[in-house]
N, C-alpha and C. Protein backbone atom coordinates (compact mmCIF):
# COMPACT_ATOMS: atom_id res chain seq x y z
N MET A 1 104.32 -83.64 43.85
CA MET A 1 103.58 -83.96 42.64
C MET A 1 104.58 -84.26 41.53
N ASP A 2 104.26 -85.23 40.69
CA ASP A 2 105.16 -85.68 39.63
C ASP A 2 105.21 -84.64 38.51
N GLN A 3 106.37 -84.15 38.20
CA GLN A 3 106.55 -83.13 37.16
C GLN A 3 106.43 -83.71 35.76
N ASN A 4 106.42 -85.04 35.61
CA ASN A 4 106.40 -85.65 34.29
C ASN A 4 105.00 -86.05 33.82
N LEU A 5 103.99 -85.66 34.56
CA LEU A 5 102.64 -85.99 34.11
C LEU A 5 102.32 -85.23 32.83
N PRO A 6 101.70 -85.92 31.88
CA PRO A 6 101.37 -85.21 30.65
C PRO A 6 100.28 -84.17 30.92
N LEU A 7 100.42 -83.07 30.25
CA LEU A 7 99.39 -82.02 30.38
C LEU A 7 98.18 -82.41 29.55
N THR A 8 97.06 -82.37 30.16
CA THR A 8 95.85 -82.67 29.41
C THR A 8 95.20 -81.37 28.98
N PRO A 9 94.72 -81.32 27.77
CA PRO A 9 94.10 -80.08 27.32
C PRO A 9 92.83 -79.80 28.12
N VAL A 10 92.62 -78.55 28.40
CA VAL A 10 91.42 -78.12 29.11
C VAL A 10 90.50 -77.47 28.08
N TYR A 11 89.32 -78.01 27.97
CA TYR A 11 88.35 -77.47 27.03
C TYR A 11 87.43 -76.51 27.77
N VAL A 12 87.50 -75.29 27.39
CA VAL A 12 86.68 -74.27 28.03
C VAL A 12 85.72 -73.73 26.99
N LYS A 13 84.47 -73.67 27.38
CA LYS A 13 83.51 -73.06 26.46
C LYS A 13 83.77 -71.57 26.44
N THR A 14 84.09 -71.07 25.28
CA THR A 14 84.34 -69.63 25.18
C THR A 14 83.08 -68.92 24.75
N SER A 15 83.02 -67.67 25.10
CA SER A 15 81.87 -66.89 24.66
C SER A 15 81.99 -66.64 23.16
N LYS A 16 80.96 -66.14 22.60
CA LYS A 16 80.95 -65.88 21.15
C LYS A 16 82.08 -64.93 20.80
N LEU A 17 82.64 -65.14 19.63
CA LEU A 17 83.66 -64.23 19.15
C LEU A 17 83.02 -62.89 18.85
N PRO A 18 83.74 -61.80 19.08
CA PRO A 18 83.15 -60.50 18.79
C PRO A 18 82.93 -60.33 17.28
N ILE A 19 81.84 -59.67 16.96
CA ILE A 19 81.56 -59.36 15.55
C ILE A 19 81.26 -57.88 15.44
N SER A 20 81.40 -57.38 14.26
CA SER A 20 81.18 -55.96 13.99
C SER A 20 79.71 -55.60 14.16
N PRO A 21 79.43 -54.38 14.62
CA PRO A 21 78.04 -53.92 14.62
C PRO A 21 77.51 -53.66 13.21
N GLY A 22 78.41 -53.66 12.21
CA GLY A 22 77.96 -53.51 10.82
C GLY A 22 77.11 -54.70 10.41
N ARG A 23 76.24 -54.48 9.44
CA ARG A 23 75.33 -55.54 9.00
C ARG A 23 75.37 -55.66 7.48
N SER A 24 75.27 -56.86 7.01
CA SER A 24 75.22 -57.11 5.58
C SER A 24 74.02 -56.38 4.97
N LEU A 25 74.23 -55.75 3.81
CA LEU A 25 73.13 -55.02 3.16
C LEU A 25 71.99 -55.96 2.79
N LYS A 26 72.34 -57.16 2.34
CA LYS A 26 71.31 -58.14 1.98
C LYS A 26 70.50 -58.54 3.21
N LYS A 27 71.19 -58.69 4.32
CA LYS A 27 70.52 -59.07 5.56
C LYS A 27 69.55 -57.98 6.01
N VAL A 28 69.99 -56.73 5.96
CA VAL A 28 69.12 -55.60 6.34
C VAL A 28 67.89 -55.56 5.45
N ALA A 29 68.10 -55.68 4.14
CA ALA A 29 66.97 -55.65 3.20
C ALA A 29 66.02 -56.82 3.44
N LEU A 30 66.58 -57.99 3.56
CA LEU A 30 65.77 -59.19 3.78
C LEU A 30 64.96 -59.09 5.07
N LEU A 31 65.61 -58.68 6.16
CA LEU A 31 64.91 -58.55 7.44
C LEU A 31 63.79 -57.53 7.36
N ASN A 32 64.05 -56.41 6.71
CA ASN A 32 63.00 -55.38 6.63
C ASN A 32 61.82 -55.83 5.79
N ILE A 33 62.09 -56.52 4.70
CA ILE A 33 61.00 -57.00 3.83
C ILE A 33 60.23 -58.13 4.51
N LEU A 34 60.94 -59.09 5.09
CA LEU A 34 60.27 -60.22 5.74
C LEU A 34 59.40 -59.81 6.92
N THR A 35 59.75 -58.69 7.55
CA THR A 35 59.01 -58.27 8.73
C THR A 35 58.02 -57.14 8.45
N LEU A 36 57.71 -56.89 7.18
CA LEU A 36 56.80 -55.81 6.80
C LEU A 36 57.27 -54.46 7.34
N GLY A 37 58.57 -54.27 7.44
CA GLY A 37 59.12 -53.01 7.92
C GLY A 37 59.33 -52.94 9.43
N LEU A 38 58.90 -53.96 10.16
CA LEU A 38 59.06 -53.97 11.61
C LEU A 38 60.53 -53.95 12.02
N TYR A 39 61.38 -54.56 11.23
CA TYR A 39 62.82 -54.60 11.55
C TYR A 39 63.41 -53.20 11.64
N SER A 40 62.84 -52.24 10.93
CA SER A 40 63.40 -50.89 10.94
C SER A 40 63.46 -50.32 12.35
N LEU A 41 62.50 -50.67 13.20
CA LEU A 41 62.54 -50.18 14.59
C LEU A 41 63.74 -50.78 15.32
N ARG A 42 63.99 -52.05 15.10
CA ARG A 42 65.17 -52.68 15.71
C ARG A 42 66.44 -52.04 15.15
N TRP A 43 66.46 -51.74 13.88
CA TRP A 43 67.61 -51.12 13.23
C TRP A 43 67.92 -49.77 13.87
N PHE A 44 66.90 -48.93 14.07
CA PHE A 44 67.11 -47.63 14.72
C PHE A 44 67.62 -47.85 16.15
N TYR A 45 67.02 -48.79 16.87
CA TYR A 45 67.44 -49.07 18.24
C TYR A 45 68.92 -49.46 18.28
N LEU A 46 69.33 -50.37 17.41
CA LEU A 46 70.72 -50.83 17.40
C LEU A 46 71.69 -49.69 17.09
N ASN A 47 71.30 -48.79 16.19
CA ASN A 47 72.18 -47.66 15.89
C ASN A 47 72.33 -46.74 17.10
N TRP A 48 71.21 -46.46 17.78
CA TRP A 48 71.32 -45.61 18.98
C TRP A 48 72.18 -46.30 20.03
N LYS A 49 72.03 -47.60 20.17
CA LYS A 49 72.81 -48.35 21.15
C LYS A 49 74.29 -48.38 20.76
N ASP A 50 74.58 -48.69 19.49
CA ASP A 50 75.97 -48.82 19.03
C ASP A 50 76.73 -47.50 19.05
N PHE A 51 76.05 -46.38 18.82
CA PHE A 51 76.73 -45.09 18.75
C PHE A 51 76.62 -44.29 20.05
N ARG A 52 75.98 -44.86 21.06
CA ARG A 52 75.91 -44.17 22.36
C ARG A 52 77.33 -44.06 22.90
N GLY A 53 77.72 -42.85 23.26
CA GLY A 53 79.09 -42.61 23.72
C GLY A 53 80.05 -42.29 22.59
N LYS A 54 79.60 -42.43 21.35
CA LYS A 54 80.44 -42.10 20.19
C LYS A 54 79.91 -40.85 19.49
N ALA A 55 78.72 -40.94 18.92
CA ALA A 55 78.14 -39.81 18.20
C ALA A 55 77.30 -38.92 19.11
N TRP A 56 76.92 -39.43 20.27
CA TRP A 56 76.14 -38.66 21.24
C TRP A 56 76.44 -39.18 22.64
N PRO A 57 76.05 -38.44 23.66
CA PRO A 57 76.39 -38.84 25.05
C PRO A 57 75.69 -40.14 25.47
N ASN A 58 76.14 -40.67 26.58
CA ASN A 58 75.59 -41.92 27.13
C ASN A 58 74.28 -41.73 27.89
N ASP A 59 73.86 -40.52 28.11
CA ASP A 59 72.76 -40.25 29.04
C ASP A 59 71.35 -40.30 28.43
N PHE A 60 71.08 -41.27 27.59
CA PHE A 60 69.74 -41.42 27.04
C PHE A 60 69.44 -42.90 26.87
N SER A 61 68.18 -43.20 26.68
CA SER A 61 67.75 -44.58 26.50
C SER A 61 67.51 -44.85 25.01
N PRO A 62 68.26 -45.79 24.42
CA PRO A 62 68.00 -46.13 23.02
C PRO A 62 66.56 -46.63 22.81
N LEU A 63 66.03 -47.33 23.80
CA LEU A 63 64.66 -47.83 23.70
C LEU A 63 63.66 -46.69 23.63
N MET A 64 63.83 -45.67 24.47
CA MET A 64 62.90 -44.53 24.46
C MET A 64 63.00 -43.75 23.16
N ARG A 65 64.19 -43.63 22.61
CA ARG A 65 64.32 -42.94 21.32
C ARG A 65 63.66 -43.75 20.21
N THR A 66 63.75 -45.07 20.30
CA THR A 66 63.10 -45.91 19.29
C THR A 66 61.59 -45.77 19.37
N VAL A 67 61.05 -45.75 20.56
CA VAL A 67 59.61 -45.52 20.74
C VAL A 67 59.26 -44.14 20.20
N GLY A 68 60.14 -43.17 20.41
CA GLY A 68 59.92 -41.81 19.92
C GLY A 68 59.80 -41.72 18.41
N VAL A 69 60.41 -42.65 17.69
CA VAL A 69 60.31 -42.66 16.22
C VAL A 69 58.85 -42.81 15.79
N LEU A 70 58.04 -43.45 16.59
CA LEU A 70 56.64 -43.69 16.25
C LEU A 70 55.74 -42.48 16.50
N ILE A 71 56.25 -41.48 17.20
CA ILE A 71 55.48 -40.26 17.48
C ILE A 71 55.76 -39.27 16.36
N PRO A 72 54.71 -38.84 15.60
CA PRO A 72 54.92 -38.09 14.36
C PRO A 72 55.96 -36.98 14.37
N ILE A 73 55.81 -35.91 15.09
CA ILE A 73 56.76 -34.79 15.01
C ILE A 73 58.09 -35.15 15.68
N LEU A 74 58.01 -35.75 16.85
CA LEU A 74 59.22 -36.17 17.56
C LEU A 74 60.01 -37.17 16.73
N GLY A 75 59.32 -38.12 16.11
CA GLY A 75 59.97 -39.13 15.30
C GLY A 75 60.74 -38.54 14.12
N LEU A 76 60.14 -37.54 13.49
CA LEU A 76 60.81 -36.87 12.37
C LEU A 76 62.14 -36.27 12.83
N PHE A 77 62.10 -35.61 13.98
CA PHE A 77 63.31 -35.01 14.54
C PHE A 77 64.33 -36.08 14.91
N LEU A 78 63.89 -37.15 15.56
CA LEU A 78 64.81 -38.19 16.02
C LEU A 78 65.48 -38.93 14.86
N VAL A 79 64.70 -39.24 13.83
CA VAL A 79 65.26 -39.94 12.66
C VAL A 79 66.29 -39.06 11.97
N PHE A 80 65.94 -37.78 11.74
CA PHE A 80 66.90 -36.87 11.10
C PHE A 80 68.15 -36.73 11.95
N ARG A 81 67.96 -36.57 13.25
CA ARG A 81 69.10 -36.39 14.14
C ARG A 81 70.03 -37.61 14.11
N GLN A 82 69.43 -38.82 14.11
CA GLN A 82 70.28 -40.01 14.06
C GLN A 82 71.09 -40.04 12.76
N PHE A 83 70.43 -39.81 11.63
CA PHE A 83 71.13 -39.83 10.34
C PHE A 83 72.23 -38.77 10.31
N LYS A 84 71.91 -37.55 10.73
CA LYS A 84 72.87 -36.44 10.65
C LYS A 84 74.05 -36.64 11.60
N GLU A 85 73.76 -37.02 12.85
CA GLU A 85 74.85 -37.14 13.82
C GLU A 85 75.77 -38.32 13.51
N ILE A 86 75.20 -39.41 13.03
CA ILE A 86 76.07 -40.54 12.66
C ILE A 86 76.90 -40.17 11.44
N GLN A 87 76.29 -39.47 10.48
CA GLN A 87 77.05 -39.04 9.31
C GLN A 87 78.20 -38.12 9.73
N ASN A 88 77.93 -37.16 10.62
CA ASN A 88 78.99 -36.25 11.08
C ASN A 88 80.09 -37.01 11.81
N HIS A 89 79.70 -37.92 12.68
CA HIS A 89 80.69 -38.71 13.43
C HIS A 89 81.50 -39.61 12.49
N ALA A 90 80.83 -40.27 11.57
CA ALA A 90 81.52 -41.19 10.66
C ALA A 90 82.46 -40.46 9.72
N SER A 91 82.14 -39.22 9.36
CA SER A 91 82.98 -38.48 8.42
C SER A 91 84.37 -38.20 9.00
N ASP A 92 84.50 -38.26 10.33
CA ASP A 92 85.82 -38.10 10.95
C ASP A 92 86.69 -39.34 10.75
N TYR A 93 86.08 -40.47 10.40
CA TYR A 93 86.80 -41.73 10.31
C TYR A 93 86.88 -42.29 8.89
N VAL A 94 85.87 -42.05 8.08
CA VAL A 94 85.85 -42.62 6.74
C VAL A 94 85.60 -41.53 5.71
N ASP A 95 86.08 -41.80 4.51
CA ASP A 95 85.90 -40.86 3.42
C ASP A 95 84.79 -41.36 2.50
N VAL A 96 83.66 -41.71 3.09
CA VAL A 96 82.53 -42.22 2.33
C VAL A 96 81.37 -41.25 2.53
N GLU A 97 80.78 -40.85 1.46
CA GLU A 97 79.63 -39.96 1.54
C GLU A 97 78.35 -40.75 1.32
N LEU A 98 77.29 -40.29 1.91
CA LEU A 98 75.98 -40.89 1.66
C LEU A 98 75.55 -40.59 0.24
N ASP A 99 74.86 -41.54 -0.40
CA ASP A 99 74.32 -41.30 -1.73
C ASP A 99 73.18 -40.29 -1.67
N VAL A 100 72.53 -40.22 -0.52
CA VAL A 100 71.37 -39.36 -0.32
C VAL A 100 71.59 -38.60 0.98
N SER A 101 71.20 -37.34 1.04
CA SER A 101 71.41 -36.54 2.25
C SER A 101 70.53 -37.03 3.40
N PRO A 102 70.94 -36.77 4.63
CA PRO A 102 70.10 -37.15 5.77
C PRO A 102 68.70 -36.54 5.72
N LYS A 103 68.58 -35.32 5.21
CA LYS A 103 67.25 -34.69 5.08
C LYS A 103 66.37 -35.50 4.13
N LEU A 104 66.92 -35.86 2.97
CA LEU A 104 66.14 -36.61 2.00
C LEU A 104 65.81 -38.02 2.51
N LEU A 105 66.74 -38.64 3.21
CA LEU A 105 66.46 -39.96 3.79
C LEU A 105 65.33 -39.86 4.81
N THR A 106 65.34 -38.80 5.61
CA THR A 106 64.29 -38.61 6.61
C THR A 106 62.95 -38.39 5.93
N ILE A 107 62.93 -37.58 4.88
CA ILE A 107 61.68 -37.34 4.13
C ILE A 107 61.18 -38.65 3.53
N CYS A 108 62.08 -39.42 2.93
CA CYS A 108 61.69 -40.72 2.36
C CYS A 108 61.13 -41.64 3.44
N TRP A 109 61.78 -41.61 4.60
CA TRP A 109 61.33 -42.47 5.69
C TRP A 109 59.90 -42.14 6.08
N TYR A 110 59.60 -40.85 6.24
CA TYR A 110 58.26 -40.47 6.68
C TYR A 110 57.25 -40.38 5.55
N LEU A 111 57.70 -40.32 4.32
CA LEU A 111 56.80 -40.30 3.16
C LEU A 111 56.03 -41.61 3.04
N GLN A 112 56.59 -42.68 3.54
CA GLN A 112 55.94 -43.98 3.42
C GLN A 112 54.59 -44.02 4.15
N PHE A 113 54.42 -43.27 5.22
CA PHE A 113 53.19 -43.34 6.00
C PHE A 113 52.01 -42.66 5.30
N PRO A 114 52.12 -41.38 4.88
CA PRO A 114 50.99 -40.79 4.16
C PRO A 114 50.77 -41.45 2.79
N MET A 115 51.86 -41.91 2.16
CA MET A 115 51.73 -42.59 0.88
C MET A 115 50.84 -43.83 1.02
N ALA A 116 51.04 -44.58 2.07
CA ALA A 116 50.23 -45.78 2.29
C ALA A 116 48.77 -45.41 2.57
N GLU A 117 48.54 -44.34 3.33
CA GLU A 117 47.17 -43.90 3.64
C GLU A 117 46.43 -43.46 2.39
N VAL A 118 47.08 -42.64 1.57
CA VAL A 118 46.45 -42.16 0.34
C VAL A 118 46.18 -43.32 -0.61
N ALA A 119 47.15 -44.20 -0.74
CA ALA A 119 46.98 -45.34 -1.64
C ALA A 119 45.85 -46.25 -1.17
N ASP A 120 45.76 -46.47 0.14
CA ASP A 120 44.66 -47.29 0.66
C ASP A 120 43.31 -46.69 0.35
N LYS A 121 43.25 -45.37 0.37
CA LYS A 121 41.98 -44.67 0.15
C LYS A 121 41.56 -44.71 -1.33
N TYR A 122 42.52 -44.59 -2.25
CA TYR A 122 42.20 -44.44 -3.67
C TYR A 122 42.46 -45.66 -4.54
N LEU A 123 43.20 -46.63 -4.06
CA LEU A 123 43.51 -47.80 -4.86
C LEU A 123 42.73 -49.01 -4.34
N ILE A 124 41.44 -48.92 -4.37
CA ILE A 124 40.60 -49.99 -3.84
C ILE A 124 40.78 -51.23 -4.70
N GLY A 125 40.99 -52.36 -4.05
CA GLY A 125 41.21 -53.62 -4.75
C GLY A 125 42.68 -53.92 -4.95
N LEU A 126 43.54 -52.92 -4.68
CA LEU A 126 44.99 -53.12 -4.85
C LEU A 126 45.70 -52.92 -3.51
N GLU A 127 45.08 -53.34 -2.42
CA GLU A 127 45.60 -53.08 -1.08
C GLU A 127 47.04 -53.54 -0.87
N PRO A 128 47.47 -54.67 -1.39
CA PRO A 128 48.87 -55.07 -1.13
C PRO A 128 49.90 -54.13 -1.75
N LEU A 129 49.57 -53.46 -2.86
CA LEU A 129 50.56 -52.62 -3.53
C LEU A 129 51.06 -51.47 -2.67
N PRO A 130 50.19 -50.71 -1.98
CA PRO A 130 50.73 -49.64 -1.13
C PRO A 130 51.63 -50.15 -0.02
N THR A 131 51.28 -51.28 0.55
CA THR A 131 52.10 -51.84 1.63
C THR A 131 53.45 -52.27 1.09
N ILE A 132 53.46 -52.90 -0.05
CA ILE A 132 54.72 -53.34 -0.66
C ILE A 132 55.58 -52.12 -1.02
N ALA A 133 54.95 -51.07 -1.56
CA ALA A 133 55.69 -49.84 -1.90
C ALA A 133 56.28 -49.21 -0.64
N ARG A 134 55.52 -49.19 0.44
CA ARG A 134 55.99 -48.63 1.71
C ARG A 134 57.19 -49.42 2.24
N ILE A 135 57.11 -50.73 2.15
CA ILE A 135 58.20 -51.58 2.64
C ILE A 135 59.45 -51.37 1.79
N LEU A 136 59.27 -51.26 0.48
CA LEU A 136 60.43 -51.04 -0.39
C LEU A 136 61.07 -49.68 -0.13
N LEU A 137 60.25 -48.66 0.14
CA LEU A 137 60.78 -47.33 0.44
C LEU A 137 61.57 -47.35 1.75
N SER A 138 61.03 -47.98 2.77
CA SER A 138 61.76 -48.03 4.05
C SER A 138 63.03 -48.87 3.90
N THR A 139 62.99 -49.91 3.09
CA THR A 139 64.18 -50.73 2.85
C THR A 139 65.25 -49.92 2.13
N PHE A 140 64.85 -49.10 1.17
CA PHE A 140 65.79 -48.22 0.47
C PHE A 140 66.52 -47.31 1.46
N VAL A 141 65.77 -46.73 2.39
CA VAL A 141 66.36 -45.83 3.38
C VAL A 141 67.37 -46.58 4.25
N LEU A 142 66.97 -47.73 4.77
CA LEU A 142 67.87 -48.48 5.66
C LEU A 142 69.15 -48.93 4.94
N VAL A 143 69.00 -49.48 3.75
CA VAL A 143 70.17 -50.00 3.01
C VAL A 143 71.09 -48.85 2.61
N THR A 144 70.53 -47.72 2.20
CA THR A 144 71.35 -46.57 1.82
C THR A 144 72.21 -46.11 2.99
N PHE A 145 71.60 -46.01 4.16
CA PHE A 145 72.37 -45.55 5.32
C PHE A 145 73.29 -46.65 5.85
N GLN A 146 72.89 -47.90 5.71
CA GLN A 146 73.72 -49.00 6.20
C GLN A 146 75.07 -49.04 5.49
N ARG A 147 75.13 -48.59 4.25
CA ARG A 147 76.42 -48.54 3.53
C ARG A 147 77.42 -47.67 4.29
N LEU A 148 76.96 -46.50 4.75
CA LEU A 148 77.84 -45.62 5.52
C LEU A 148 78.22 -46.27 6.84
N LEU A 149 77.25 -46.88 7.51
CA LEU A 149 77.54 -47.55 8.78
C LEU A 149 78.58 -48.65 8.60
N ASN A 150 78.46 -49.45 7.56
CA ASN A 150 79.41 -50.53 7.32
C ASN A 150 80.82 -49.98 7.05
N ALA A 151 80.90 -48.90 6.29
CA ALA A 151 82.22 -48.30 6.02
C ALA A 151 82.84 -47.81 7.32
N TYR A 152 82.03 -47.21 8.18
CA TYR A 152 82.52 -46.72 9.47
C TYR A 152 83.03 -47.88 10.33
N TRP A 153 82.22 -48.94 10.46
CA TRP A 153 82.62 -50.06 11.31
C TRP A 153 83.83 -50.78 10.75
N GLN A 154 83.94 -50.89 9.42
CA GLN A 154 85.11 -51.55 8.84
C GLN A 154 86.38 -50.73 9.07
N GLN A 155 86.23 -49.41 9.15
CA GLN A 155 87.40 -48.55 9.39
C GLN A 155 87.79 -48.55 10.88
N THR A 156 86.80 -48.49 11.75
CA THR A 156 87.10 -48.38 13.18
C THR A 156 87.34 -49.73 13.85
N GLU A 157 86.79 -50.79 13.31
CA GLU A 157 86.97 -52.13 13.87
C GLU A 157 87.28 -53.11 12.74
N PRO A 158 88.44 -52.95 12.09
CA PRO A 158 88.74 -53.73 10.88
C PRO A 158 88.88 -55.23 11.09
N ASP A 159 89.19 -55.65 12.29
CA ASP A 159 89.40 -57.08 12.54
C ASP A 159 88.11 -57.84 12.80
N LEU A 160 87.01 -57.14 12.97
CA LEU A 160 85.75 -57.80 13.30
C LEU A 160 84.93 -58.03 12.03
N PRO A 161 84.46 -59.25 11.83
CA PRO A 161 83.65 -59.54 10.62
C PRO A 161 82.23 -58.97 10.75
N LEU A 162 81.61 -58.69 9.60
CA LEU A 162 80.22 -58.22 9.57
C LEU A 162 79.29 -59.31 10.09
N GLN A 163 78.19 -58.88 10.65
CA GLN A 163 77.17 -59.83 11.10
C GLN A 163 76.48 -60.42 9.88
N LYS A 164 76.54 -61.72 9.74
CA LYS A 164 75.86 -62.37 8.62
C LYS A 164 74.77 -63.30 9.10
N LYS A 165 74.99 -63.93 10.24
CA LYS A 165 73.98 -64.84 10.79
C LYS A 165 72.92 -64.03 11.52
N PHE A 166 71.75 -64.61 11.61
CA PHE A 166 70.66 -63.96 12.33
C PHE A 166 70.88 -64.10 13.83
N THR A 167 70.73 -62.99 14.55
CA THR A 167 70.81 -63.03 16.00
C THR A 167 69.47 -63.53 16.54
N THR A 168 69.43 -63.83 17.82
CA THR A 168 68.18 -64.29 18.44
C THR A 168 67.09 -63.22 18.30
N GLY A 169 67.44 -61.97 18.54
CA GLY A 169 66.47 -60.88 18.39
C GLY A 169 65.95 -60.78 16.97
N GLU A 170 66.82 -60.96 16.01
CA GLU A 170 66.39 -60.90 14.60
C GLU A 170 65.50 -62.07 14.25
N LYS A 171 65.79 -63.23 14.83
CA LYS A 171 64.91 -64.39 14.60
C LYS A 171 63.52 -64.13 15.16
N ILE A 172 63.46 -63.48 16.30
CA ILE A 172 62.16 -63.13 16.90
C ILE A 172 61.42 -62.15 16.01
N VAL A 173 62.14 -61.14 15.52
CA VAL A 173 61.52 -60.14 14.65
C VAL A 173 61.02 -60.79 13.35
N VAL A 174 61.80 -61.71 12.79
CA VAL A 174 61.38 -62.41 11.56
C VAL A 174 60.13 -63.25 11.84
N THR A 175 60.08 -63.90 12.97
CA THR A 175 58.91 -64.70 13.33
C THR A 175 57.67 -63.81 13.44
N LEU A 176 57.81 -62.68 14.15
CA LEU A 176 56.68 -61.75 14.26
C LEU A 176 56.29 -61.19 12.89
N GLY A 177 57.30 -60.84 12.09
CA GLY A 177 57.03 -60.31 10.76
C GLY A 177 56.35 -61.31 9.85
N SER A 178 56.76 -62.56 9.96
CA SER A 178 56.12 -63.61 9.15
C SER A 178 54.66 -63.77 9.54
N PHE A 179 54.40 -63.65 10.83
CA PHE A 179 53.03 -63.69 11.32
C PHE A 179 52.22 -62.53 10.74
N TRP A 180 52.84 -61.32 10.73
CA TRP A 180 52.15 -60.15 10.15
C TRP A 180 51.93 -60.33 8.65
N TRP A 181 52.91 -60.89 7.93
CA TRP A 181 52.73 -61.16 6.50
C TRP A 181 51.53 -62.08 6.29
N PHE A 182 51.44 -63.13 7.09
CA PHE A 182 50.33 -64.06 6.98
C PHE A 182 49.00 -63.34 7.20
N ILE A 183 48.92 -62.56 8.26
CA ILE A 183 47.68 -61.81 8.54
C ILE A 183 47.40 -60.83 7.40
N PHE A 184 48.40 -60.11 6.96
CA PHE A 184 48.25 -59.12 5.89
C PHE A 184 47.71 -59.77 4.62
N LEU A 185 48.33 -60.87 4.20
CA LEU A 185 47.88 -61.53 2.96
C LEU A 185 46.50 -62.15 3.14
N PHE A 186 46.24 -62.74 4.28
CA PHE A 186 44.94 -63.34 4.55
C PHE A 186 43.84 -62.28 4.54
N VAL A 187 44.07 -61.17 5.23
CA VAL A 187 43.06 -60.10 5.27
C VAL A 187 42.87 -59.49 3.88
N SER A 188 43.96 -59.28 3.14
CA SER A 188 43.85 -58.71 1.79
C SER A 188 43.01 -59.61 0.88
N LEU A 189 43.29 -60.91 0.94
CA LEU A 189 42.51 -61.84 0.11
C LEU A 189 41.05 -61.90 0.57
N TYR A 190 40.84 -61.89 1.86
CA TYR A 190 39.49 -61.96 2.41
C TYR A 190 38.69 -60.71 2.02
N VAL A 191 39.29 -59.54 2.12
CA VAL A 191 38.61 -58.29 1.75
C VAL A 191 38.30 -58.29 0.27
N ASN A 192 39.23 -58.75 -0.56
CA ASN A 192 38.99 -58.80 -2.00
C ASN A 192 37.85 -59.77 -2.34
N LEU A 193 37.78 -60.90 -1.65
CA LEU A 193 36.69 -61.85 -1.89
C LEU A 193 35.34 -61.27 -1.46
N LEU A 194 35.32 -60.52 -0.37
CA LEU A 194 34.07 -59.92 0.10
C LEU A 194 33.59 -58.80 -0.83
N SER A 195 34.54 -58.10 -1.45
CA SER A 195 34.15 -56.98 -2.31
C SER A 195 33.67 -57.45 -3.70
N GLU A 196 33.85 -58.72 -4.02
CA GLU A 196 33.41 -59.22 -5.34
C GLU A 196 31.97 -59.55 -5.38
């Protein structure tokens, strides 16, 4: 074979570059609001998945724990445990404290459900307000904790950039959430028209 043949470049499709499991605070807030709070379930799932083998053992299903969040007493325990164990694990790596304790974040997280029920019962004609308040409360919880998560990921994986673009899963969640927003606003307007 001729040794003087020019080398031709080989173009290989590479897989996506690695990115940090950390998420932009604006992205977390936007996703949670656009999806009527549905994104929060994905957020909990991703945290259990990302910290499996770090803050807790590998022998559990992140999906089952996420489903467990929806079960009243079990969910309270699981949410608090996730906040507390990630905070304990992260404190070994970063010198960042949460603005709010894991207990208070857990209370805020679960306060949104009875708050919405009571408001629906007593604020007749103002149905969108309790839902909006609930979404804002859950967004506050996620963004507050995401600050600690981002500090941890920036310390432990400094070369990886934060996720800024929407992933396929997030696009699906936004699509479902947009559908729920449409139904929510349509039903709210329809109920208000019927009550007049």
